[in-house]
């Protein structure tokens, strides 16, 4: 924000989807 004040502030980023259930291995 301080270095590139003329650019739009980056968004919060993509939403990470929950992976399917995993076993211990």
PDBML (XML) file of the C-alpha atoms, coordinates in Angstrom:
<?xml version="1.0" encoding="UTF-8" ?>
<PDBx:datablock datablockName="MODEL"
   xmlns:PDBx="http://pdbml.pdb.org/schema/pdbx-v50.xsd"
   xmlns:xsi="http://www.w3.org/2001/XMLSchema-instance"
   xsi:schemaLocation="http://pdbml.pdb.org/schema/pdbx-v50.xsd pdbx-v50.xsd">
   <PDBx:atom_siteCategory>
      <PDBx:atom_site id="1">
         <PDBx:B_iso_or_equiv>0.00</PDBx:B_iso_or_equiv>
         <PDBx:Cartn_x>0.000</PDBx:Cartn_x>
         <PDBx:Cartn_y>0.000</PDBx:Cartn_y>
         <PDBx:Cartn_z>0.000</PDBx:Cartn_z>
         <PDBx:auth_asym_id>A</PDBx:auth_asym_id>
         <PDBx:auth_atom_id>CA</PDBx:auth_atom_id>
         <PDBx:auth_comp_id>UNK</PDBx:auth_comp_id>
         <PDBx:auth_seq_id>1</PDBx:auth_seq_id>
         <PDBx:group_PDB>ATOM</PDBx:group_PDB>
         <PDBx:label_alt_id xsi:nil="true" />
         <PDBx:label_asym_id>A</PDBx:label_asym_id>
         <PDBx:label_atom_id>CA</PDBx:label_atom_id>
         <PDBx:label_comp_id>UNK</PDBx:label_comp_id>
         <PDBx:label_entity_id>1</PDBx:label_entity_id>
         <PDBx:label_seq_id>1</PDBx:label_seq_id>
         <PDBx:occupancy>1.00</PDBx:occupancy>
         <PDBx:pdbx_PDB_model_num>1</PDBx:pdbx_PDB_model_num>
         <PDBx:type_symbol>C</PDBx:type_symbol>
      </PDBx:atom_site>
      <PDBx:atom_site id="2">
         <PDBx:B_iso_or_equiv>0.00</PDBx:B_iso_or_equiv>
         <PDBx:Cartn_x>2.830</PDBx:Cartn_x>
         <PDBx:Cartn_y>2.434</PDBx:Cartn_y>
         <PDBx:Cartn_z>0.796</PDBx:Cartn_z>
         <PDBx:auth_asym_id>A</PDBx:auth_asym_id>
         <PDBx:auth_atom_id>CA</PDBx:auth_atom_id>
         <PDBx:auth_comp_id>UNK</PDBx:auth_comp_id>
         <PDBx:auth_seq_id>2</PDBx:auth_seq_id>
         <PDBx:group_PDB>ATOM</PDBx:group_PDB>
         <PDBx:label_alt_id xsi:nil="true" />
         <PDBx:label_asym_id>A</PDBx:label_asym_id>
         <PDBx:label_atom_id>CA</PDBx:label_atom_id>
         <PDBx:label_comp_id>UNK</PDBx:label_comp_id>
         <PDBx:label_entity_id>1</PDBx:label_entity_id>
         <PDBx:label_seq_id>2</PDBx:label_seq_id>
         <PDBx:occupancy>1.00</PDBx:occupancy>
         <PDBx:pdbx_PDB_model_num>1</PDBx:pdbx_PDB_model_num>
         <PDBx:type_symbol>C</PDBx:type_symbol>
      </PDBx:atom_site>
      <PDBx:atom_site id="3">
         <PDBx:B_iso_or_equiv>0.00</PDBx:B_iso_or_equiv>
         <PDBx:Cartn_x>4.992</PDBx:Cartn_x>
         <PDBx:Cartn_y>1.518</PDBx:Cartn_y>
         <PDBx:Cartn_z>-2.210</PDBx:Cartn_z>
         <PDBx:auth_asym_id>A</PDBx:auth_asym_id>
         <PDBx:auth_atom_id>CA</PDBx:auth_atom_id>
         <PDBx:auth_comp_id>UNK</PDBx:auth_comp_id>
         <PDBx:auth_seq_id>3</PDBx:auth_seq_id>
         <PDBx:group_PDB>ATOM</PDBx:group_PDB>
         <PDBx:label_alt_id xsi:nil="true" />
         <PDBx:label_asym_id>A</PDBx:label_asym_id>
         <PDBx:label_atom_id>CA</PDBx:label_atom_id>
         <PDBx:label_comp_id>UNK</PDBx:label_comp_id>
         <PDBx:label_entity_id>1</PDBx:label_entity_id>
         <PDBx:label_seq_id>3</PDBx:label_seq_id>
         <PDBx:occupancy>1.00</PDBx:occupancy>
         <PDBx:pdbx_PDB_model_num>1</PDBx:pdbx_PDB_model_num>
         <PDBx:type_symbol>C</PDBx:type_symbol>
      </PDBx:atom_site>
      <PDBx:atom_site id="4">
         <PDBx:B_iso_or_equiv>0.00</PDBx:B_iso_or_equiv>
         <PDBx:Cartn_x>2.235</PDBx:Cartn_x>
         <PDBx:Cartn_y>1.474</PDBx:Cartn_y>
         <PDBx:Cartn_z>-4.844</PDBx:Cartn_z>
         <PDBx:auth_asym_id>A</PDBx:auth_asym_id>
         <PDBx:auth_atom_id>CA</PDBx:auth_atom_id>
         <PDBx:auth_comp_id>UNK</PDBx:auth_comp_id>
         <PDBx:auth_seq_id>4</PDBx:auth_seq_id>
         <PDBx:group_PDB>ATOM</PDBx:group_PDB>
         <PDBx:label_alt_id xsi:nil="true" />
         <PDBx:label_asym_id>A</PDBx:label_asym_id>
         <PDBx:label_atom_id>CA</PDBx:label_atom_id>
         <PDBx:label_comp_id>UNK</PDBx:label_comp_id>
         <PDBx:label_entity_id>1</PDBx:label_entity_id>
         <PDBx:label_seq_id>4</PDBx:label_seq_id>
         <PDBx:occupancy>1.00</PDBx:occupancy>
         <PDBx:pdbx_PDB_model_num>1</PDBx:pdbx_PDB_model_num>
         <PDBx:type_symbol>C</PDBx:type_symbol>
      </PDBx:atom_site>
      <PDBx:atom_site id="5">
         <PDBx:B_iso_or_equiv>0.00</PDBx:B_iso_or_equiv>
         <PDBx:Cartn_x>-0.349</PDBx:Cartn_x>
         <PDBx:Cartn_y>3.980</PDBx:Cartn_y>
         <PDBx:Cartn_z>-3.583</PDBx:Cartn_z>
         <PDBx:auth_asym_id>A</PDBx:auth_asym_id>
         <PDBx:auth_atom_id>CA</PDBx:auth_atom_id>
         <PDBx:auth_comp_id>UNK</PDBx:auth_comp_id>
         <PDBx:auth_seq_id>5</PDBx:auth_seq_id>
         <PDBx:group_PDB>ATOM</PDBx:group_PDB>
         <PDBx:label_alt_id xsi:nil="true" />
         <PDBx:label_asym_id>A</PDBx:label_asym_id>
         <PDBx:label_atom_id>CA</PDBx:label_atom_id>
         <PDBx:label_comp_id>UNK</PDBx:label_comp_id>
         <PDBx:label_entity_id>1</PDBx:label_entity_id>
         <PDBx:label_seq_id>5</PDBx:label_seq_id>
         <PDBx:occupancy>1.00</PDBx:occupancy>
         <PDBx:pdbx_PDB_model_num>1</PDBx:pdbx_PDB_model_num>
         <PDBx:type_symbol>C</PDBx:type_symbol>
      </PDBx:atom_site>
      <PDBx:atom_site id="6">
         <PDBx:B_iso_or_equiv>0.00</PDBx:B_iso_or_equiv>
         <PDBx:Cartn_x>-1.843</PDBx:Cartn_x>
         <PDBx:Cartn_y>4.473</PDBx:Cartn_y>
         <PDBx:Cartn_z>-7.061</PDBx:Cartn_z>
         <PDBx:auth_asym_id>A</PDBx:auth_asym_id>
         <PDBx:auth_atom_id>CA</PDBx:auth_atom_id>
         <PDBx:auth_comp_id>UNK</PDBx:auth_comp_id>
         <PDBx:auth_seq_id>6</PDBx:auth_seq_id>
         <PDBx:group_PDB>ATOM</PDBx:group_PDB>
         <PDBx:label_alt_id xsi:nil="true" />
         <PDBx:label_asym_id>A</PDBx:label_asym_id>
         <PDBx:label_atom_id>CA</PDBx:label_atom_id>
         <PDBx:label_comp_id>UNK</PDBx:label_comp_id>
         <PDBx:label_entity_id>1</PDBx:label_entity_id>
         <PDBx:label_seq_id>6</PDBx:label_seq_id>
         <PDBx:occupancy>1.00</PDBx:occupancy>
         <PDBx:pdbx_PDB_model_num>1</PDBx:pdbx_PDB_model_num>
         <PDBx:type_symbol>C</PDBx:type_symbol>
      </PDBx:atom_site>
      <PDBx:atom_site id="7">
         <PDBx:B_iso_or_equiv>0.00</PDBx:B_iso_or_equiv>
         <PDBx:Cartn_x>-2.687</PDBx:Cartn_x>
         <PDBx:Cartn_y>0.788</PDBx:Cartn_y>
         <PDBx:Cartn_z>-7.485</PDBx:Cartn_z>
         <PDBx:auth_asym_id>A</PDBx:auth_asym_id>
         <PDBx:auth_atom_id>CA</PDBx:auth_atom_id>
         <PDBx:auth_comp_id>UNK</PDBx:auth_comp_id>
         <PDBx:auth_seq_id>7</PDBx:auth_seq_id>
         <PDBx:group_PDB>ATOM</PDBx:group_PDB>
         <PDBx:label_alt_id xsi:nil="true" />
         <PDBx:label_asym_id>A</PDBx:label_asym_id>
         <PDBx:label_atom_id>CA</PDBx:label_atom_id>
         <PDBx:label_comp_id>UNK</PDBx:label_comp_id>
         <PDBx:label_entity_id>1</PDBx:label_entity_id>
         <PDBx:label_seq_id>7</PDBx:label_seq_id>
         <PDBx:occupancy>1.00</PDBx:occupancy>
         <PDBx:pdbx_PDB_model_num>1</PDBx:pdbx_PDB_model_num>
         <PDBx:type_symbol>C</PDBx:type_symbol>
      </PDBx:atom_site>
      <PDBx:atom_site id="8">
         <PDBx:B_iso_or_equiv>0.00</PDBx:B_iso_or_equiv>
         <PDBx:Cartn_x>-5.740</PDBx:Cartn_x>
         <PDBx:Cartn_y>-0.935</PDBx:Cartn_y>
         <PDBx:Cartn_z>-6.125</PDBx:Cartn_z>
         <PDBx:auth_asym_id>A</PDBx:auth_asym_id>
         <PDBx:auth_atom_id>CA</PDBx:auth_atom_id>
         <PDBx:auth_comp_id>UNK</PDBx:auth_comp_id>
         <PDBx:auth_seq_id>8</PDBx:auth_seq_id>
         <PDBx:group_PDB>ATOM</PDBx:group_PDB>
         <PDBx:label_alt_id xsi:nil="true" />
         <PDBx:label_asym_id>A</PDBx:label_asym_id>
         <PDBx:label_atom_id>CA</PDBx:label_atom_id>
         <PDBx:label_comp_id>UNK</PDBx:label_comp_id>
         <PDBx:label_entity_id>1</PDBx:label_entity_id>
         <PDBx:label_seq_id>8</PDBx:label_seq_id>
         <PDBx:occupancy>1.00</PDBx:occupancy>
         <PDBx:pdbx_PDB_model_num>1</PDBx:pdbx_PDB_model_num>
         <PDBx:type_symbol>C</PDBx:type_symbol>
      </PDBx:atom_site>
      <PDBx:atom_site id="9">
         <PDBx:B_iso_or_equiv>0.00</PDBx:B_iso_or_equiv>
         <PDBx:Cartn_x>-5.137</PDBx:Cartn_x>
         <PDBx:Cartn_y>-2.739</PDBx:Cartn_y>
         <PDBx:Cartn_z>-2.861</PDBx:Cartn_z>
         <PDBx:auth_asym_id>A</PDBx:auth_asym_id>
         <PDBx:auth_atom_id>CA</PDBx:auth_atom_id>
         <PDBx:auth_comp_id>UNK</PDBx:auth_comp_id>
         <PDBx:auth_seq_id>9</PDBx:auth_seq_id>
         <PDBx:group_PDB>ATOM</PDBx:group_PDB>
         <PDBx:label_alt_id xsi:nil="true" />
         <PDBx:label_asym_id>A</PDBx:label_asym_id>
         <PDBx:label_atom_id>CA</PDBx:label_atom_id>
         <PDBx:label_comp_id>UNK</PDBx:label_comp_id>
         <PDBx:label_entity_id>1</PDBx:label_entity_id>
         <PDBx:label_seq_id>9</PDBx:label_seq_id>
         <PDBx:occupancy>1.00</PDBx:occupancy>
         <PDBx:pdbx_PDB_model_num>1</PDBx:pdbx_PDB_model_num>
         <PDBx:type_symbol>C</PDBx:type_symbol>
      </PDBx:atom_site>
      <PDBx:atom_site id="10">
         <PDBx:B_iso_or_equiv>0.00</PDBx:B_iso_or_equiv>
         <PDBx:Cartn_x>-4.944</PDBx:Cartn_x>
         <PDBx:Cartn_y>-6.509</PDBx:Cartn_y>
         <PDBx:Cartn_z>-3.356</PDBx:Cartn_z>
         <PDBx:auth_asym_id>A</PDBx:auth_asym_id>
         <PDBx:auth_atom_id>CA</PDBx:auth_atom_id>
         <PDBx:auth_comp_id>UNK</PDBx:auth_comp_id>
         <PDBx:auth_seq_id>10</PDBx:auth_seq_id>
         <PDBx:group_PDB>ATOM</PDBx:group_PDB>
         <PDBx:label_alt_id xsi:nil="true" />
         <PDBx:label_asym_id>A</PDBx:label_asym_id>
         <PDBx:label_atom_id>CA</PDBx:label_atom_id>
         <PDBx:label_comp_id>UNK</PDBx:label_comp_id>
         <PDBx:label_entity_id>1</PDBx:label_entity_id>
         <PDBx:label_seq_id>10</PDBx:label_seq_id>
         <PDBx:occupancy>1.00</PDBx:occupancy>
         <PDBx:pdbx_PDB_model_num>1</PDBx:pdbx_PDB_model_num>
         <PDBx:type_symbol>C</PDBx:type_symbol>
      </PDBx:atom_site>
      <PDBx:atom_site id="11">
         <PDBx:B_iso_or_equiv>0.00</PDBx:B_iso_or_equiv>
         <PDBx:Cartn_x>-8.051</PDBx:Cartn_x>
         <PDBx:Cartn_y>-8.469</PDBx:Cartn_y>
         <PDBx:Cartn_z>-2.541</PDBx:Cartn_z>
         <PDBx:auth_asym_id>A</PDBx:auth_asym_id>
         <PDBx:auth_atom_id>CA</PDBx:auth_atom_id>
         <PDBx:auth_comp_id>UNK</PDBx:auth_comp_id>
         <PDBx:auth_seq_id>11</PDBx:auth_seq_id>
         <PDBx:group_PDB>ATOM</PDBx:group_PDB>
         <PDBx:label_alt_id xsi:nil="true" />
         <PDBx:label_asym_id>A</PDBx:label_asym_id>
         <PDBx:label_atom_id>CA</PDBx:label_atom_id>
         <PDBx:label_comp_id>UNK</PDBx:label_comp_id>
         <PDBx:label_entity_id>1</PDBx:label_entity_id>
         <PDBx:label_seq_id>11</PDBx:label_seq_id>
         <PDBx:occupancy>1.00</PDBx:occupancy>
         <PDBx:pdbx_PDB_model_num>1</PDBx:pdbx_PDB_model_num>
         <PDBx:type_symbol>C</PDBx:type_symbol>
      </PDBx:atom_site>
      <PDBx:atom_site id="12">
         <PDBx:B_iso_or_equiv>0.00</PDBx:B_iso_or_equiv>
         <PDBx:Cartn_x>-8.275</PDBx:Cartn_x>
         <PDBx:Cartn_y>-10.900</PDBx:Cartn_y>
         <PDBx:Cartn_z>0.320</PDBx:Cartn_z>
         <PDBx:auth_asym_id>A</PDBx:auth_asym_id>
         <PDBx:auth_atom_id>CA</PDBx:auth_atom_id>
         <PDBx:auth_comp_id>UNK</PDBx:auth_comp_id>
         <PDBx:auth_seq_id>12</PDBx:auth_seq_id>
         <PDBx:group_PDB>ATOM</PDBx:group_PDB>
         <PDBx:label_alt_id xsi:nil="true" />
         <PDBx:label_asym_id>A</PDBx:label_asym_id>
         <PDBx:label_atom_id>CA</PDBx:label_atom_id>
         <PDBx:label_comp_id>UNK</PDBx:label_comp_id>
         <PDBx:label_entity_id>1</PDBx:label_entity_id>
         <PDBx:label_seq_id>12</PDBx:label_seq_id>
         <PDBx:occupancy>1.00</PDBx:occupancy>
         <PDBx:pdbx_PDB_model_num>1</PDBx:pdbx_PDB_model_num>
         <PDBx:type_symbol>C</PDBx:type_symbol>
      </PDBx:atom_site>
      <PDBx:atom_site id="13">
         <PDBx:B_iso_or_equiv>0.00</PDBx:B_iso_or_equiv>
         <PDBx:Cartn_x>-7.464</PDBx:Cartn_x>
         <PDBx:Cartn_y>-13.795</PDBx:Cartn_y>
         <PDBx:Cartn_z>-2.002</PDBx:Cartn_z>
         <PDBx:auth_asym_id>A</PDBx:auth_asym_id>
         <PDBx:auth_atom_id>CA</PDBx:auth_atom_id>
         <PDBx:auth_comp_id>UNK</PDBx:auth_comp_id>
         <PDBx:auth_seq_id>13</PDBx:auth_seq_id>
         <PDBx:group_PDB>ATOM</PDBx:group_PDB>
         <PDBx:label_alt_id xsi:nil="true" />
         <PDBx:label_asym_id>A</PDBx:label_asym_id>
         <PDBx:label_atom_id>CA</PDBx:label_atom_id>
         <PDBx:label_comp_id>UNK</PDBx:label_comp_id>
         <PDBx:label_entity_id>1</PDBx:label_entity_id>
         <PDBx:label_seq_id>13</PDBx:label_seq_id>
         <PDBx:occupancy>1.00</PDBx:occupancy>
         <PDBx:pdbx_PDB_model_num>1</PDBx:pdbx_PDB_model_num>
         <PDBx:type_symbol>C</PDBx:type_symbol>
      </PDBx:atom_site>
      <PDBx:atom_site id="14">
         <PDBx:B_iso_or_equiv>0.00</PDBx:B_iso_or_equiv>
         <PDBx:Cartn_x>-9.390</PDBx:Cartn_x>
         <PDBx:Cartn_y>-16.826</PDBx:Cartn_y>
         <PDBx:Cartn_z>-3.211</PDBx:Cartn_z>
         <PDBx:auth_asym_id>A</PDBx:auth_asym_id>
         <PDBx:auth_atom_id>CA</PDBx:auth_atom_id>
         <PDBx:auth_comp_id>UNK</PDBx:auth_comp_id>
         <PDBx:auth_seq_id>14</PDBx:auth_seq_id>
         <PDBx:group_PDB>ATOM</PDBx:group_PDB>
         <PDBx:label_alt_id xsi:nil="true" />
         <PDBx:label_asym_id>A</PDBx:label_asym_id>
         <PDBx:label_atom_id>CA</PDBx:label_atom_id>
         <PDBx:label_comp_id>UNK</PDBx:label_comp_id>
         <PDBx:label_entity_id>1</PDBx:label_entity_id>
         <PDBx:label_seq_id>14</PDBx:label_seq_id>
         <PDBx:occupancy>1.00</PDBx:occupancy>
         <PDBx:pdbx_PDB_model_num>1</PDBx:pdbx_PDB_model_num>
         <PDBx:type_symbol>C</PDBx:type_symbol>
      </PDBx:atom_site>
      <PDBx:atom_site id="15">
         <PDBx:B_iso_or_equiv>0.00</PDBx:B_iso_or_equiv>
         <PDBx:Cartn_x>-11.372</PDBx:Cartn_x>
         <PDBx:Cartn_y>-19.011</PDBx:Cartn_y>
         <PDBx:Cartn_z>-0.885</PDBx:Cartn_z>
         <PDBx:auth_asym_id>A</PDBx:auth_asym_id>
         <PDBx:auth_atom_id>CA</PDBx:auth_atom_id>
         <PDBx:auth_comp_id>UNK</PDBx:auth_comp_id>
         <PDBx:auth_seq_id>15</PDBx:auth_seq_id>
         <PDBx:group_PDB>ATOM</PDBx:group_PDB>
         <PDBx:label_alt_id xsi:nil="true" />
         <PDBx:label_asym_id>A</PDBx:label_asym_id>
         <PDBx:label_atom_id>CA</PDBx:label_atom_id>
         <PDBx:label_comp_id>UNK</PDBx:label_comp_id>
         <PDBx:label_entity_id>1</PDBx:label_entity_id>
         <PDBx:label_seq_id>15</PDBx:label_seq_id>
         <PDBx:occupancy>1.00</PDBx:occupancy>
         <PDBx:pdbx_PDB_model_num>1</PDBx:pdbx_PDB_model_num>
         <PDBx:type_symbol>C</PDBx:type_symbol>
      </PDBx:atom_site>
      <PDBx:atom_site id="16">
         <PDBx:B_iso_or_equiv>0.00</PDBx:B_iso_or_equiv>
         <PDBx:Cartn_x>-9.681</PDBx:Cartn_x>
         <PDBx:Cartn_y>-22.323</PDBx:Cartn_y>
         <PDBx:Cartn_z>-0.187</PDBx:Cartn_z>
         <PDBx:auth_asym_id>A</PDBx:auth_asym_id>
         <PDBx:auth_atom_id>CA</PDBx:auth_atom_id>
         <PDBx:auth_comp_id>UNK</PDBx:auth_comp_id>
         <PDBx:auth_seq_id>16</PDBx:auth_seq_id>
         <PDBx:group_PDB>ATOM</PDBx:group_PDB>
         <PDBx:label_alt_id xsi:nil="true" />
         <PDBx:label_asym_id>A</PDBx:label_asym_id>
         <PDBx:label_atom_id>CA</PDBx:label_atom_id>
         <PDBx:label_comp_id>UNK</PDBx:label_comp_id>
         <PDBx:label_entity_id>1</PDBx:label_entity_id>
         <PDBx:label_seq_id>16</PDBx:label_seq_id>
         <PDBx:occupancy>1.00</PDBx:occupancy>
         <PDBx:pdbx_PDB_model_num>1</PDBx:pdbx_PDB_model_num>
         <PDBx:type_symbol>C</PDBx:type_symbol>
      </PDBx:atom_site>
      <PDBx:atom_site id="17">
         <PDBx:B_iso_or_equiv>0.00</PDBx:B_iso_or_equiv>
         <PDBx:Cartn_x>-12.079</PDBx:Cartn_x>
         <PDBx:Cartn_y>-25.253</PDBx:Cartn_y>
         <PDBx:Cartn_z>-0.458</PDBx:Cartn_z>
         <PDBx:auth_asym_id>A</PDBx:auth_asym_id>
         <PDBx:auth_atom_id>CA</PDBx:auth_atom_id>
         <PDBx:auth_comp_id>UNK</PDBx:auth_comp_id>
         <PDBx:auth_seq_id>17</PDBx:auth_seq_id>
         <PDBx:group_PDB>ATOM</PDBx:group_PDB>
         <PDBx:label_alt_id xsi:nil="true" />
         <PDBx:label_asym_id>A</PDBx:label_asym_id>
         <PDBx:label_atom_id>CA</PDBx:label_atom_id>
         <PDBx:label_comp_id>UNK</PDBx:label_comp_id>
         <PDBx:label_entity_id>1</PDBx:label_entity_id>
         <PDBx:label_seq_id>17</PDBx:label_seq_id>
         <PDBx:occupancy>1.00</PDBx:occupancy>
         <PDBx:pdbx_PDB_model_num>1</PDBx:pdbx_PDB_model_num>
         <PDBx:type_symbol>C</PDBx:type_symbol>
      </PDBx:atom_site>
      <PDBx:atom_site id="18">
         <PDBx:B_iso_or_equiv>0.00</PDBx:B_iso_or_equiv>
         <PDBx:Cartn_x>-12.223</PDBx:Cartn_x>
         <PDBx:Cartn_y>-27.865</PDBx:Cartn_y>
         <PDBx:Cartn_z>2.269</PDBx:Cartn_z>
         <PDBx:auth_asym_id>A</PDBx:auth_asym_id>
         <PDBx:auth_atom_id>CA</PDBx:auth_atom_id>
         <PDBx:auth_comp_id>UNK</PDBx:auth_comp_id>
         <PDBx:auth_seq_id>18</PDBx:auth_seq_id>
         <PDBx:group_PDB>ATOM</PDBx:group_PDB>
         <PDBx:label_alt_id xsi:nil="true" />
         <PDBx:label_asym_id>A</PDBx:label_asym_id>
         <PDBx:label_atom_id>CA</PDBx:label_atom_id>
         <PDBx:label_comp_id>UNK</PDBx:label_comp_id>
         <PDBx:label_entity_id>1</PDBx:label_entity_id>
         <PDBx:label_seq_id>18</PDBx:label_seq_id>
         <PDBx:occupancy>1.00</PDBx:occupancy>
         <PDBx:pdbx_PDB_model_num>1</PDBx:pdbx_PDB_model_num>
         <PDBx:type_symbol>C</PDBx:type_symbol>
      </PDBx:atom_site>
      <PDBx:atom_site id="19">
         <PDBx:B_iso_or_equiv>0.00</PDBx:B_iso_or_equiv>
         <PDBx:Cartn_x>-10.573</PDBx:Cartn_x>
         <PDBx:Cartn_y>-31.098</PDBx:Cartn_y>
         <PDBx:Cartn_z>1.079</PDBx:Cartn_z>
         <PDBx:auth_asym_id>A</PDBx:auth_asym_id>
         <PDBx:auth_atom_id>CA</PDBx:auth_atom_id>
         <PDBx:auth_comp_id>UNK</PDBx:auth_comp_id>
         <PDBx:auth_seq_id>19</PDBx:auth_seq_id>
         <PDBx:group_PDB>ATOM</PDBx:group_PDB>
         <PDBx:label_alt_id xsi:nil="true" />
         <PDBx:label_asym_id>A</PDBx:label_asym_id>
         <PDBx:label_atom_id>CA</PDBx:label_atom_id>
         <PDBx:label_comp_id>UNK</PDBx:label_comp_id>
         <PDBx:label_entity_id>1</PDBx:label_entity_id>
         <PDBx:label_seq_id>19</PDBx:label_seq_id>
         <PDBx:occupancy>1.00</PDBx:occupancy>
         <PDBx:pdbx_PDB_model_num>1</PDBx:pdbx_PDB_model_num>
         <PDBx:type_symbol>C</PDBx:type_symbol>
      </PDBx:atom_site>
      <PDBx:atom_site id="20">
         <PDBx:B_iso_or_equiv>0.00</PDBx:B_iso_or_equiv>
         <PDBx:Cartn_x>-12.391</PDBx:Cartn_x>
         <PDBx:Cartn_y>-34.432</PDBx:Cartn_y>
         <PDBx:Cartn_z>1.330</PDBx:Cartn_z>
         <PDBx:auth_asym_id>A</PDBx:auth_asym_id>
         <PDBx:auth_atom_id>CA</PDBx:auth_atom_id>
         <PDBx:auth_comp_id>UNK</PDBx:auth_comp_id>
         <PDBx:auth_seq_id>20</PDBx:auth_seq_id>
         <PDBx:group_PDB>ATOM</PDBx:group_PDB>
         <PDBx:label_alt_id xsi:nil="true" />
         <PDBx:label_asym_id>A</PDBx:label_asym_id>
         <PDBx:label_atom_id>CA</PDBx:label_atom_id>
         <PDBx:label_comp_id>UNK</PDBx:label_comp_id>
         <PDBx:label_entity_id>1</PDBx:label_entity_id>
         <PDBx:label_seq_id>20</PDBx:label_seq_id>
         <PDBx:occupancy>1.00</PDBx:occupancy>
         <PDBx:pdbx_PDB_model_num>1</PDBx:pdbx_PDB_model_num>
         <PDBx:type_symbol>C</PDBx:type_symbol>
      </PDBx:atom_site>
      <PDBx:atom_site id="21">
         <PDBx:B_iso_or_equiv>0.00</PDBx:B_iso_or_equiv>
         <PDBx:Cartn_x>-11.964</PDBx:Cartn_x>
         <PDBx:Cartn_y>-36.515</PDBx:Cartn_y>
         <PDBx:Cartn_z>4.502</PDBx:Cartn_z>
         <PDBx:auth_asym_id>A</PDBx:auth_asym_id>
         <PDBx:auth_atom_id>CA</PDBx:auth_atom_id>
         <PDBx:auth_comp_id>UNK</PDBx:auth_comp_id>
         <PDBx:auth_seq_id>21</PDBx:auth_seq_id>
         <PDBx:group_PDB>ATOM</PDBx:group_PDB>
         <PDBx:label_alt_id xsi:nil="true" />
         <PDBx:label_asym_id>A</PDBx:label_asym_id>
         <PDBx:label_atom_id>CA</PDBx:label_atom_id>
         <PDBx:label_comp_id>UNK</PDBx:label_comp_id>
         <PDBx:label_entity_id>1</PDBx:label_entity_id>
         <PDBx:label_seq_id>21</PDBx:label_seq_id>
         <PDBx:occupancy>1.00</PDBx:occupancy>
         <PDBx:pdbx_PDB_model_num>1</PDBx:pdbx_PDB_model_num>
         <PDBx:type_symbol>C</PDBx:type_symbol>
      </PDBx:atom_site>
      <PDBx:atom_site id="22">
         <PDBx:B_iso_or_equiv>0.00</PDBx:B_iso_or_equiv>
         <PDBx:Cartn_x>-8.533</PDBx:Cartn_x>
         <PDBx:Cartn_y>-38.071</PDBx:Cartn_y>
         <PDBx:Cartn_z>4.900</PDBx:Cartn_z>
         <PDBx:auth_asym_id>A</PDBx:auth_asym_id>
         <PDBx:auth_atom_id>CA</PDBx:auth_atom_id>
         <PDBx:auth_comp_id>UNK</PDBx:auth_comp_id>
         <PDBx:auth_seq_id>22</PDBx:auth_seq_id>
         <PDBx:group_PDB>ATOM</PDBx:group_PDB>
         <PDBx:label_alt_id xsi:nil="true" />
         <PDBx:label_asym_id>A</PDBx:label_asym_id>
         <PDBx:label_atom_id>CA</PDBx:label_atom_id>
         <PDBx:label_comp_id>UNK</PDBx:label_comp_id>
         <PDBx:label_entity_id>1</PDBx:label_entity_id>
         <PDBx:label_seq_id>22</PDBx:label_seq_id>
         <PDBx:occupancy>1.00</PDBx:occupancy>
         <PDBx:pdbx_PDB_model_num>1</PDBx:pdbx_PDB_model_num>
         <PDBx:type_symbol>C</PDBx:type_symbol>
      </PDBx:atom_site>
      <PDBx:atom_site id="23">
         <PDBx:B_iso_or_equiv>0.00</PDBx:B_iso_or_equiv>
         <PDBx:Cartn_x>-7.315</PDBx:Cartn_x>
         <PDBx:Cartn_y>-41.104</PDBx:Cartn_y>
         <PDBx:Cartn_z>6.784</PDBx:Cartn_z>
         <PDBx:auth_asym_id>A</PDBx:auth_asym_id>
         <PDBx:auth_atom_id>CA</PDBx:auth_atom_id>
         <PDBx:auth_comp_id>UNK</PDBx:auth_comp_id>
         <PDBx:auth_seq_id>23</PDBx:auth_seq_id>
         <PDBx:group_PDB>ATOM</PDBx:group_PDB>
         <PDBx:label_alt_id xsi:nil="true" />
         <PDBx:label_asym_id>A</PDBx:label_asym_id>
         <PDBx:label_atom_id>CA</PDBx:label_atom_id>
         <PDBx:label_comp_id>UNK</PDBx:label_comp_id>
         <PDBx:label_entity_id>1</PDBx:label_entity_id>
         <PDBx:label_seq_id>23</PDBx:label_seq_id>
         <PDBx:occupancy>1.00</PDBx:occupancy>
         <PDBx:pdbx_PDB_model_num>1</PDBx:pdbx_PDB_model_num>
         <PDBx:type_symbol>C</PDBx:type_symbol>
      </PDBx:atom_site>
      <PDBx:atom_site id="24">
         <PDBx:B_iso_or_equiv>0.00</PDBx:B_iso_or_equiv>
         <PDBx:Cartn_x>-4.266</PDBx:Cartn_x>
         <PDBx:Cartn_y>-40.990</PDBx:Cartn_y>
         <PDBx:Cartn_z>9.051</PDBx:Cartn_z>
         <PDBx:auth_asym_id>A</PDBx:auth_asym_id>
         <PDBx:auth_atom_id>CA</PDBx:auth_atom_id>
         <PDBx:auth_comp_id>UNK</PDBx:auth_comp_id>
         <PDBx:auth_seq_id>24</PDBx:auth_seq_id>
         <PDBx:group_PDB>ATOM</PDBx:group_PDB>
         <PDBx:label_alt_id xsi:nil="true" />
         <PDBx:label_asym_id>A</PDBx:label_asym_id>
         <PDBx:label_atom_id>CA</PDBx:label_atom_id>
         <PDBx:label_comp_id>UNK</PDBx:label_comp_id>
         <PDBx:label_entity_id>1</PDBx:label_entity_id>
         <PDBx:label_seq_id>24</PDBx:label_seq_id>
         <PDBx:occupancy>1.00</PDBx:occupancy>
         <PDBx:pdbx_PDB_model_num>1</PDBx:pdbx_PDB_model_num>
         <PDBx:type_symbol>C</PDBx:type_symbol>
      </PDBx:atom_site>
      <PDBx:atom_site id="25">
         <PDBx:B_iso_or_equiv>0.00</PDBx:B_iso_or_equiv>
         <PDBx:Cartn_x>-1.850</PDBx:Cartn_x>
         <PDBx:Cartn_y>-41.926</PDBx:Cartn_y>
         <PDBx:Cartn_z>6.291</PDBx:Cartn_z>
         <PDBx:auth_asym_id>A</PDBx:auth_asym_id>
         <PDBx:auth_atom_id>CA</PDBx:auth_atom_id>
         <PDBx:auth_comp_id>UNK</PDBx:auth_comp_id>
         <PDBx:auth_seq_id>25</PDBx:auth_seq_id>
         <PDBx:group_PDB>ATOM</PDBx:group_PDB>
         <PDBx:label_alt_id xsi:nil="true" />
         <PDBx:label_asym_id>A</PDBx:label_asym_id>
         <PDBx:label_atom_id>CA</PDBx:label_atom_id>
         <PDBx:label_comp_id>UNK</PDBx:label_comp_id>
         <PDBx:label_entity_id>1</PDBx:label_entity_id>
         <PDBx:label_seq_id>25</PDBx:label_seq_id>
         <PDBx:occupancy>1.00</PDBx:occupancy>
         <PDBx:pdbx_PDB_model_num>1</PDBx:pdbx_PDB_model_num>
         <PDBx:type_symbol>C</PDBx:type_symbol>
      </PDBx:atom_site>
   </PDBx:atom_siteCategory>
</PDBx:datablock>
